Amino acid sequence: MRKRKIPGIGARIVKSGAGVLICMLIYFLRGNEGMPFYSALAVLWCMRQYTRESVNMAVQRTIGTFIGAAYGLAVLLGIQCFEHVNVMAVYCICSLMIIPIIYTTVLLDKKNASFFSCVVFLSITITHSFDTNPFVFVLNRVLDTFIGIFVGLALNFVNPLRKRDNDTLFISGIDAVLVSRFDTMIPYNKVELNRLLSEGVKFTVSTIRTPASLLTHMSGVNLTLPVIVMDGAALYDIQSNRYLETEILSAELSAEAEKIISENGYHCFVNTILDNTLIIYYGDFTNETEEKLFNGLRKSPYRNYTEKKYRTSHSEVLYLMVIDTDERIEILKKILCEKNIAARTRITITSSAEYPGCTYLKIYSENTSKRNMTEKLKKYVDAEKTVTFGSVEGEYDIFIDDDGGSSAVKTLKRLYEGRMNPLTFSRF
């Protein structure tokens, strides 16, 4: 049974509580003038995960308040023109006024403010239609809202007064680091990564996955820098959907390895680049696992599978991939060593989490490595220093061992905000 991880209390929750408390204190400092309830509503609405969202919500709330208050004041003044007014008639008028209020937001191209306009209007007219001085309440209603907006924005902009490390390039693995073995990312990681990225942290990821798989597992994270994919075989720019750098397996070595694989009763997927597009060539399958793999991945819009008979000589091979049982992969590895393929390429063996009892064997150019691609990435982002996070002890600057928990992101946060010396990393 999967153990559920209980999330901690985040900064947004704490700030929300603090915001409401501040609104109440301001109410008492004003001599109990106004309604702190409306200030609290405004501060909670403006309290968002990211500063940009908070500003957008504040703008919507401000526009909605002005529109609703203007219509509300007009209705109250109109009601005062009559000596005797039926309560039900007032309610009917208020209901009908919703139509011009919403239409006004449409004319002003501020549709997102329509809800706030209606709320402000109804709070003014329904509860204060028979007040002797409507101007006082309308003024207090607007002021209460602005107090909440100001408090919400102020708290969202509050950050520790520390110097951000905008010089270091932070590179993290994905599997068992940001994403669990169940291929899920906890909400905290998404929220904090996006916040740090919005503040300017130089952060990206490095993975054995293809861009398609990476984009699926990092969905919701606003990565801006190029990412290292396919175990260092390529540097991919998410923003432009382009491969900036690639390490190509020579045509001669690729052909020789493919022939050996085929002659010994195996099938391989040939991952190639053609006109900046990843094309995966396949042939006749030799086991059920690779057929399941193919049927599952071919549906992705980011992958392009093509039969080998349509393969063009212009395509450049990034790597060959074989998936088979653990025993058969061990046999194939020995054959490749005996045929002197292993000495001229880089061969990796990885157990399959999706298909128990099966293993992936991949053949890359001998120059393919995450370390080499990292050096190229540093030039693209103009970074002199790097800090890497990974789940393999000894291969990364910071070892993460919490299966996609919050350790990596919390460490990134402390490093970026200057609360941890990058020369004395904590180990998890």
Protein backbone atom coordinates (compact mmCIF):
# COMPACT_ATOMS: atom_id res chain seq x y z
CA MET A 1 0.00 0.00 0.00
CA ARG A 2 1.37 3.36 -1.02
CA LYS A 3 2.25 5.57 1.97
CA ARG A 4 0.68 9.00 1.69
CA LYS A 5 3.04 11.91 2.30
CA ILE A 6 1.52 14.63 4.46
CA PRO A 7 2.43 18.05 3.02
CA GLY A 8 3.82 20.74 5.28
CA ILE A 9 2.23 24.11 5.95
CA GLY A 10 3.39 26.35 3.10
CA ALA A 11 4.19 30.05 3.09
CA ARG A 12 0.93 30.90 1.32
CA ILE A 13 -1.12 29.38 4.13
CA VAL A 14 0.85 31.25 6.78
CA LYS A 15 0.63 34.52 4.86
CA SER A 16 -3.12 34.10 4.43
CA GLY A 17 -3.62 33.82 8.17
CA ALA A 18 -1.27 36.73 8.80
CA GLY A 19 -3.11 38.83 6.19
CA VAL A 20 -6.49 38.34 7.87
CA LEU A 21 -4.96 39.20 11.26
CA ILE A 22 -3.43 42.41 9.88
CA CYS A 23 -6.80 43.43 8.42
CA MET A 24 -8.41 42.97 11.82
CA LEU A 25 -5.70 45.06 13.50
CA ILE A 26 -6.17 47.83 10.94
CA TYR A 27 -9.89 47.78 11.68
CA PHE A 28 -9.25 48.43 15.37
CA LEU A 29 -6.67 51.11 14.56
CA ARG A 30 -9.35 52.85 12.45
CA GLY A 31 -11.57 53.05 15.49
CA ASN A 32 -13.79 50.14 14.43
CA GLU A 33 -14.71 51.93 11.21
CA GLY A 34 -15.74 49.87 8.18
CA MET A 35 -16.16 46.11 7.90
CA PRO A 36 -13.01 43.98 8.34
CA PHE A 37 -14.90 41.09 6.72
CA TYR A 38 -14.49 42.71 3.29
CA SER A 39 -10.80 43.40 3.89
CA ALA A 40 -10.28 39.75 4.84
CA LEU A 41 -12.04 38.57 1.69
CA ALA A 42 -9.84 40.81 -0.46
CA VAL A 43 -6.60 39.69 1.17
CA LEU A 44 -7.52 36.01 0.78
CA TRP A 45 -8.42 36.52 -2.87
CA CYS A 46 -5.14 38.30 -3.60
CA MET A 47 -3.02 35.73 -1.75
CA ARG A 48 -1.71 33.63 -4.64
CA GLN A 49 1.12 31.21 -5.21
CA TYR A 50 3.04 33.60 -7.46
CA THR A 51 3.51 37.37 -7.31
CA ARG A 52 2.29 37.83 -10.88
CA GLU A 53 -0.96 36.01 -10.08
CA SER A 54 -1.40 38.16 -6.99
CA VAL A 55 -1.06 41.36 -9.01
CA ASN A 56 -3.59 40.10 -11.58
CA MET A 57 -6.08 39.25 -8.84
CA ALA A 58 -5.57 42.67 -7.24
CA VAL A 59 -6.26 44.42 -10.54
CA GLN A 60 -9.43 42.37 -11.08
CA ARG A 61 -10.61 43.07 -7.55
CA THR A 62 -9.94 46.81 -7.92
CA ILE A 63 -11.81 47.13 -11.21
CA GLY A 64 -14.70 45.05 -9.89
CA THR A 65 -14.90 47.15 -6.74
CA PHE A 66 -15.13 50.43 -8.66
CA ILE A 67 -17.81 49.15 -11.06
CA GLY A 68 -19.89 47.53 -8.32
CA ALA A 69 -19.56 50.53 -6.01
CA ALA A 70 -20.59 52.98 -8.75
CA TYR A 71 -23.74 51.02 -9.60
CA GLY A 72 -24.47 50.40 -5.93
CA LEU A 73 -24.26 54.10 -5.08
CA ALA A 74 -26.50 54.96 -8.04
CA VAL A 75 -29.17 52.50 -6.88
CA LEU A 76 -29.03 53.73 -3.26
CA LEU A 77 -29.40 57.35 -4.37
CA GLY A 78 -32.31 56.36 -6.61
CA ILE A 79 -34.06 54.58 -3.75
CA GLN A 80 -33.75 57.67 -1.55
CA CYS A 81 -35.77 59.64 -4.09
CA PHE A 82 -38.86 57.72 -2.95
CA GLU A 83 -40.50 58.23 0.42
CA HIS A 84 -41.82 54.69 0.74
CA VAL A 85 -40.10 51.76 -0.97
CA ASN A 86 -41.21 48.13 -0.91
CA VAL A 87 -38.41 45.72 0.14
CA MET A 88 -39.36 43.19 -2.54
CA ALA A 89 -39.23 45.93 -5.17
CA VAL A 90 -35.69 46.79 -4.06
CA TYR A 91 -34.66 43.14 -4.35
CA CYS A 92 -36.11 42.93 -7.86
CA ILE A 93 -34.30 46.09 -8.93
CA CYS A 94 -31.01 44.77 -7.54
CA SER A 95 -31.47 41.50 -9.39
CA LEU A 96 -32.14 43.24 -12.71
CA MET A 97 -29.14 45.54 -12.23
CA ILE A 98 -26.84 42.50 -12.43
CA ILE A 99 -27.40 42.53 -16.21
CA PRO A 100 -25.96 46.04 -16.90
CA ILE A 101 -23.16 45.47 -14.38
CA ILE A 102 -21.90 42.34 -16.13
CA TYR A 103 -22.42 43.98 -19.52
CA THR A 104 -20.27 46.92 -18.39
CA THR A 105 -17.37 44.56 -17.66
CA VAL A 106 -17.84 43.10 -21.15
CA LEU A 107 -17.76 46.57 -22.76
CA LEU A 108 -14.62 47.45 -20.81
CA ASP A 109 -13.07 44.09 -21.75
CA LYS A 110 -12.74 43.22 -18.07
CA LYS A 111 -14.85 40.07 -17.95
CA ASN A 112 -12.79 38.58 -15.14
CA ALA A 113 -13.94 41.44 -12.90
CA SER A 114 -17.66 40.74 -13.36
CA PHE A 115 -17.89 38.48 -10.30
CA PHE A 116 -16.33 41.10 -8.02
CA SER A 117 -18.52 43.84 -9.49
CA CYS A 118 -21.66 41.85 -8.67
CA VAL A 119 -20.45 40.96 -5.16
CA VAL A 120 -19.65 44.58 -4.31
CA PHE A 121 -22.93 45.82 -5.79
CA LEU A 122 -25.06 43.30 -3.89
CA SER A 123 -23.19 43.83 -0.62
CA ILE A 124 -23.97 47.55 -0.91
CA THR A 125 -27.57 47.44 -2.09
CA ILE A 126 -29.04 44.38 -0.37
CA THR A 127 -27.82 45.27 3.12
CA HIS A 128 -27.83 49.08 2.99
CA SER A 129 -30.70 50.11 0.73
CA PHE A 130 -32.40 52.03 3.52
CA ASP A 131 -29.39 53.73 5.16
CA THR A 132 -29.71 57.49 5.61
CA ASN A 133 -26.20 58.19 4.29
CA PRO A 134 -25.22 55.73 1.53
CA PHE A 135 -22.03 57.63 0.71
CA VAL A 136 -20.41 56.63 4.01
CA PHE A 137 -20.98 52.92 3.50
CA VAL A 138 -19.89 52.93 -0.15
CA LEU A 139 -16.71 54.80 0.80
CA ASN A 140 -16.00 52.37 3.64
CA ARG A 141 -16.76 49.39 1.40
CA VAL A 142 -14.23 50.56 -1.20
CA LEU A 143 -11.67 51.43 1.49
CA ASP A 144 -12.10 48.03 3.18
CA THR A 145 -11.41 46.30 -0.12
CA PHE A 146 -8.35 48.41 -0.86
CA ILE A 147 -6.94 47.67 2.59
CA GLY A 148 -7.23 43.94 1.89
CA ILE A 149 -5.69 44.31 -1.57
CA PHE A 150 -2.77 46.32 -0.20
CA VAL A 151 -2.12 43.83 2.61
CA GLY A 152 -2.33 40.87 0.20
CA LEU A 153 0.10 42.42 -2.28
CA ALA A 154 2.50 43.49 0.48
CA LEU A 155 2.64 39.99 1.94
CA ASN A 156 3.10 38.39 -1.49
CA PHE A 157 6.06 40.65 -2.17
CA VAL A 158 7.63 39.90 1.22
CA ASN A 159 10.76 37.80 0.82
CA PRO A 160 13.79 37.34 3.05
CA LEU A 161 16.30 40.09 2.42
CA ARG A 162 18.97 37.78 1.08
CA LYS A 163 21.12 38.00 -1.99
CA ARG A 164 19.88 35.57 -4.62
CA ASP A 165 22.44 33.35 -6.32
CA ASN A 166 21.80 34.18 -9.97
CA ASP A 167 25.27 33.08 -11.05
CA THR A 168 25.05 29.35 -10.33
CA LEU A 169 23.34 26.93 -12.72
CA PHE A 170 21.31 24.35 -10.77
CA ILE A 171 20.69 21.06 -12.58
CA SER A 172 18.43 18.35 -11.18
CA GLY A 173 17.58 14.82 -12.16
CA ILE A 174 13.90 13.92 -12.44
CA ASP A 175 13.30 10.31 -11.42
CA ALA A 176 13.39 9.75 -7.63
CA VAL A 177 14.47 13.39 -7.26
CA LEU A 178 11.57 15.59 -8.40
CA VAL A 179 9.22 12.79 -9.41
CA SER A 180 8.45 9.65 -7.38
CA ARG A 181 8.61 6.06 -8.57
CA PHE A 182 4.88 6.42 -9.21
CA ASP A 183 5.68 9.15 -11.79
CA THR A 184 4.00 11.86 -9.73
CA MET A 185 5.27 15.23 -8.50
CA ILE A 186 4.03 16.61 -5.20
CA PRO A 187 2.29 20.04 -5.38
CA TYR A 188 4.97 21.67 -3.19
CA ASN A 189 7.66 20.97 -5.78
CA LYS A 190 5.64 22.54 -8.61
CA VAL A 191 4.68 25.61 -6.61
CA GLU A 192 8.14 26.33 -5.23
CA LEU A 193 9.94 25.59 -8.50
CA ASN A 194 7.67 27.99 -10.37
CA ARG A 195 8.14 30.65 -7.70
CA LEU A 196 11.94 30.32 -7.84
CA LEU A 197 11.88 30.34 -11.64
CA SER A 198 9.80 33.52 -11.62
CA GLU A 199 12.42 35.09 -9.36
CA GLY A 200 15.20 34.29 -11.82
CA VAL A 201 16.88 31.11 -10.57
CA LYS A 202 18.99 29.38 -13.21
CA PHE A 203 17.43 25.93 -12.96
CA THR A 204 17.00 23.09 -15.40
CA VAL A 205 16.87 19.30 -15.49
CA SER A 206 19.00 16.48 -16.81
CA THR A 207 17.47 13.10 -17.60
CA ILE A 208 17.76 9.86 -19.54
CA ARG A 209 14.25 10.56 -20.84
CA THR A 210 13.33 11.97 -24.24
CA PRO A 211 11.88 15.51 -24.47
CA ALA A 212 8.41 13.95 -24.82
CA SER A 213 8.71 12.00 -21.59
CA LEU A 214 10.30 14.95 -19.81
CA LEU A 215 7.48 17.32 -20.79
CA THR A 216 4.93 14.82 -19.52
CA HIS A 217 6.55 14.34 -16.12
CA MET A 218 7.44 18.03 -15.64
CA SER A 219 4.01 19.24 -16.71
CA GLY A 220 3.07 22.37 -14.79
CA VAL A 221 6.65 23.49 -14.16
CA ASN A 222 7.59 26.58 -16.18
CA LEU A 223 11.10 25.57 -17.27
CA THR A 224 12.79 28.26 -19.34
CA LEU A 225 16.37 27.06 -19.79
CA PRO A 226 17.44 24.28 -22.20
CA VAL A 227 17.26 20.76 -20.76
CA ILE A 228 19.70 17.87 -21.04
CA VAL A 229 17.88 14.83 -22.42
CA MET A 230 18.56 11.25 -23.46
CA ASP A 231 21.38 10.84 -20.95
CA GLY A 232 23.42 13.67 -22.46
CA ALA A 233 22.85 12.84 -26.13
CA ALA A 234 21.07 16.15 -26.73
CA LEU A 235 20.43 19.62 -25.38
CA TYR A 236 16.82 20.60 -26.01
CA ASP A 237 15.29 24.08 -25.92
CA ILE A 238 11.70 23.80 -24.67
CA GLN A 239 10.85 27.38 -25.62
CA SER A 240 11.66 26.96 -29.32
CA ASN A 241 11.20 23.15 -29.56
CA ARG A 242 14.70 22.84 -31.01
CA TYR A 243 17.71 20.62 -30.40
CA LEU A 244 20.57 23.00 -29.68
CA GLU A 245 23.28 20.34 -29.36
CA THR A 246 23.51 16.64 -30.17
CA GLU A 247 26.07 13.84 -29.85
CA ILE A 248 25.75 11.64 -32.93
CA LEU A 249 26.59 7.94 -33.16
CA SER A 250 28.54 7.49 -36.38
CA ALA A 251 26.70 5.87 -39.28
CA GLU A 252 29.32 3.10 -39.50
CA LEU A 253 29.13 2.17 -35.83
CA SER A 254 25.36 2.37 -35.84
CA ALA A 255 25.08 0.06 -38.85
CA GLU A 256 27.57 -2.40 -37.35
CA ALA A 257 25.77 -2.49 -33.97
CA GLU A 258 22.34 -2.84 -35.60
CA LYS A 259 23.56 -5.77 -37.67
CA ILE A 260 24.95 -7.57 -34.60
CA ILE A 261 21.75 -6.97 -32.67
CA SER A 262 19.60 -8.29 -35.50
CA GLU A 263 21.77 -11.34 -36.24
CA ASN A 264 21.50 -12.45 -32.61
CA GLY A 265 17.69 -12.35 -32.57
CA TYR A 266 17.11 -8.94 -30.97
CA HIS A 267 15.23 -5.86 -32.14
CA CYS A 268 16.32 -2.27 -31.55
CA PHE A 269 14.64 1.13 -31.73
CA VAL A 270 16.79 3.63 -33.61
CA ASN A 271 16.41 7.14 -32.20
CA THR A 272 17.41 9.70 -34.81
CA ILE A 273 17.30 13.41 -35.54
CA LEU A 274 16.03 14.57 -38.91
CA ASP A 275 15.40 18.25 -39.63
CA ASN A 276 15.38 18.98 -35.87
CA THR A 277 12.73 16.32 -35.29
CA LEU A 278 13.11 13.16 -33.21
CA ILE A 279 12.19 10.13 -35.32
CA ILE A 280 12.23 6.63 -33.85
CA TYR A 281 12.60 3.81 -36.36
CA TYR A 282 11.39 0.31 -35.52
CA GLY A 283 11.29 -3.11 -37.19
CA ASP A 284 9.84 -6.53 -36.42
CA PHE A 285 9.42 -6.97 -32.66
CA THR A 286 10.98 -10.00 -30.98
CA ASN A 287 9.17 -9.84 -27.62
CA GLU A 288 5.88 -8.66 -26.13
CA THR A 289 7.48 -5.99 -23.93
CA GLU A 290 8.83 -3.88 -26.79
CA GLU A 291 5.47 -4.16 -28.55
CA LYS A 292 3.71 -2.91 -25.39
CA LEU A 293 6.25 -0.11 -25.14
CA PHE A 294 5.65 0.87 -28.74
CA ASN A 295 1.86 0.82 -28.46
CA GLY A 296 1.98 2.91 -25.30
CA LEU A 297 4.37 5.59 -26.53
CA ARG A 298 3.35 5.97 -30.16
CA LYS A 299 0.21 7.90 -29.08
CA SER A 300 2.30 10.79 -27.83
CA PRO A 301 2.22 13.87 -30.11
CA TYR A 302 5.88 14.48 -29.26
CA ARG A 303 7.12 11.14 -30.64
CA ASN A 304 7.37 10.11 -34.26
CA TYR A 305 7.60 6.37 -34.89
CA THR A 306 8.40 5.18 -38.41
CA GLU A 307 9.12 1.72 -39.85
CA LYS A 308 12.76 1.10 -40.67
CA LYS A 309 11.99 0.52 -44.33
CA TYR A 310 11.27 4.26 -44.61
CA ARG A 311 14.52 5.28 -42.96
CA THR A 312 16.51 7.96 -44.73
CA SER A 313 20.26 8.17 -44.90
CA HIS A 314 20.10 11.83 -43.85
CA SER A 315 18.89 11.05 -40.34
CA GLU A 316 21.51 11.19 -37.59
CA VAL A 317 21.48 8.47 -34.93
CA LEU A 318 21.41 9.61 -31.30
CA TYR A 319 21.24 6.13 -29.80
CA LEU A 320 20.01 2.57 -30.25
CA MET A 321 17.70 1.04 -27.67
CA VAL A 322 16.91 -2.60 -26.92
CA ILE A 323 14.47 -3.79 -24.25
CA ASP A 324 14.38 -7.45 -23.27
CA THR A 325 14.56 -9.73 -20.25
CA ASP A 326 17.40 -9.17 -17.78
CA GLU A 327 19.11 -12.41 -18.83
CA ARG A 328 18.94 -11.71 -22.57
CA ILE A 329 20.24 -8.19 -22.14
CA GLU A 330 23.25 -9.53 -20.22
CA ILE A 331 23.93 -11.93 -23.09
CA LEU A 332 23.64 -9.12 -25.66
CA LYS A 333 26.01 -6.93 -23.67
CA LYS A 334 28.66 -9.70 -23.70
CA ILE A 335 28.22 -10.13 -27.46
CA LEU A 336 28.68 -6.38 -28.04
CA CYS A 337 31.83 -6.46 -25.93
CA GLU A 338 33.19 -9.43 -27.85
CA LYS A 339 32.47 -7.67 -31.16
CA ASN A 340 34.39 -4.60 -29.93
CA ILE A 341 31.29 -2.36 -30.03
CA ALA A 342 31.43 -1.51 -26.33
CA ALA A 343 35.00 -0.20 -26.63
CA ARG A 344 34.01 2.31 -29.33
CA THR A 345 30.66 3.47 -27.92
CA ARG A 346 28.99 4.14 -24.60
CA ILE A 347 26.62 1.38 -23.50
CA THR A 348 24.21 1.82 -20.58
CA ILE A 349 22.09 -0.80 -18.82
CA THR A 350 18.97 0.33 -16.92
CA SER A 351 16.34 -1.80 -15.20
CA SER A 352 12.79 -1.08 -16.31
CA ALA A 353 10.41 0.20 -13.63
CA GLU A 354 7.42 -0.13 -15.96
CA TYR A 355 8.21 -3.69 -17.03
CA PRO A 356 9.54 -5.79 -14.10
CA GLY A 357 12.11 -8.37 -15.13
CA CYS A 358 13.13 -6.37 -18.20
CA THR A 359 16.12 -4.14 -18.87
CA TYR A 360 16.97 -1.37 -21.33
CA LEU A 361 20.24 -1.45 -23.23
CA LYS A 362 21.23 1.75 -25.01
CA ILE A 363 24.16 2.44 -27.29
CA TYR A 364 25.39 6.04 -27.56
CA SER A 365 28.36 7.82 -29.08
CA GLU A 366 31.41 7.45 -26.86
CA ASN A 367 31.32 11.23 -26.29
CA THR A 368 27.78 11.19 -24.92
CA SER A 369 27.55 12.09 -21.25
CA LYS A 370 25.59 14.44 -19.04
CA ARG A 371 28.86 16.01 -17.91
CA ASN A 372 29.91 16.93 -21.46
CA MET A 373 26.47 18.33 -22.27
CA THR A 374 26.50 20.31 -19.03
CA GLU A 375 29.64 22.12 -20.18
CA LYS A 376 27.86 23.09 -23.39
CA LEU A 377 24.77 24.18 -21.46
CA LYS A 378 26.87 26.47 -19.24
CA LYS A 379 27.89 28.44 -22.31
CA TYR A 380 24.29 28.87 -23.42
CA VAL A 381 23.16 30.26 -20.07
CA ASP A 382 26.40 32.10 -19.24
CA ALA A 383 27.04 30.28 -15.97
CA GLU A 384 30.42 29.64 -14.42
CA LYS A 385 29.34 27.34 -11.59
CA THR A 386 26.96 24.40 -11.45
CA VAL A 387 25.28 22.47 -8.66
CA THR A 388 23.74 19.11 -9.55
CA PHE A 389 21.07 17.07 -7.74
CA GLY A 390 20.61 13.35 -8.31
CA SER A 391 19.58 10.03 -6.81
CA VAL A 392 22.82 8.16 -7.57
CA GLU A 393 25.28 8.62 -4.73
CA GLY A 394 28.70 9.83 -5.79
CA GLU A 395 27.65 11.08 -9.22
CA TYR A 396 26.10 14.40 -8.17
CA ASP A 397 27.03 17.33 -5.97
CA ILE A 398 23.95 16.71 -3.82
CA PHE A 399 22.60 13.22 -3.25
CA ILE A 400 18.80 13.07 -2.92
CA ASP A 401 17.24 9.97 -1.40
CA ASP A 402 13.56 10.68 -0.73
CA ASP A 403 11.87 9.28 -3.89
CA GLY A 404 10.48 12.50 -5.31
CA GLY A 405 9.84 14.24 -1.99
CA SER A 406 10.64 17.87 -1.26
CA SER A 407 14.34 17.52 -0.36
CA ALA A 408 15.70 18.61 -3.74
CA VAL A 409 13.49 21.68 -4.02
CA LYS A 410 14.06 22.72 -0.40
CA THR A 411 17.81 22.43 -0.89
CA LEU A 412 17.61 24.41 -4.15
CA LYS A 413 15.61 27.07 -2.30
CA ARG A 414 18.19 27.35 0.51
CA LEU A 415 21.10 27.50 -1.94
CA TYR A 416 19.45 30.10 -4.16
CA GLU A 417 18.39 32.29 -1.26
CA GLY A 418 21.83 32.18 0.34
CA ARG A 419 20.87 30.13 3.36
CA MET A 420 23.30 27.31 2.56
CA ASN A 421 26.93 27.48 1.57
CA PRO A 422 27.27 25.71 -1.82
CA LEU A 423 30.66 24.39 -0.68
CA THR A 424 29.14 22.51 2.27
CA PHE A 425 26.18 20.66 0.81
CA SER A 426 23.79 18.78 3.04
CA ARG A 427 23.25 15.17 2.16
CA PHE A 428 19.79 13.60 2.28
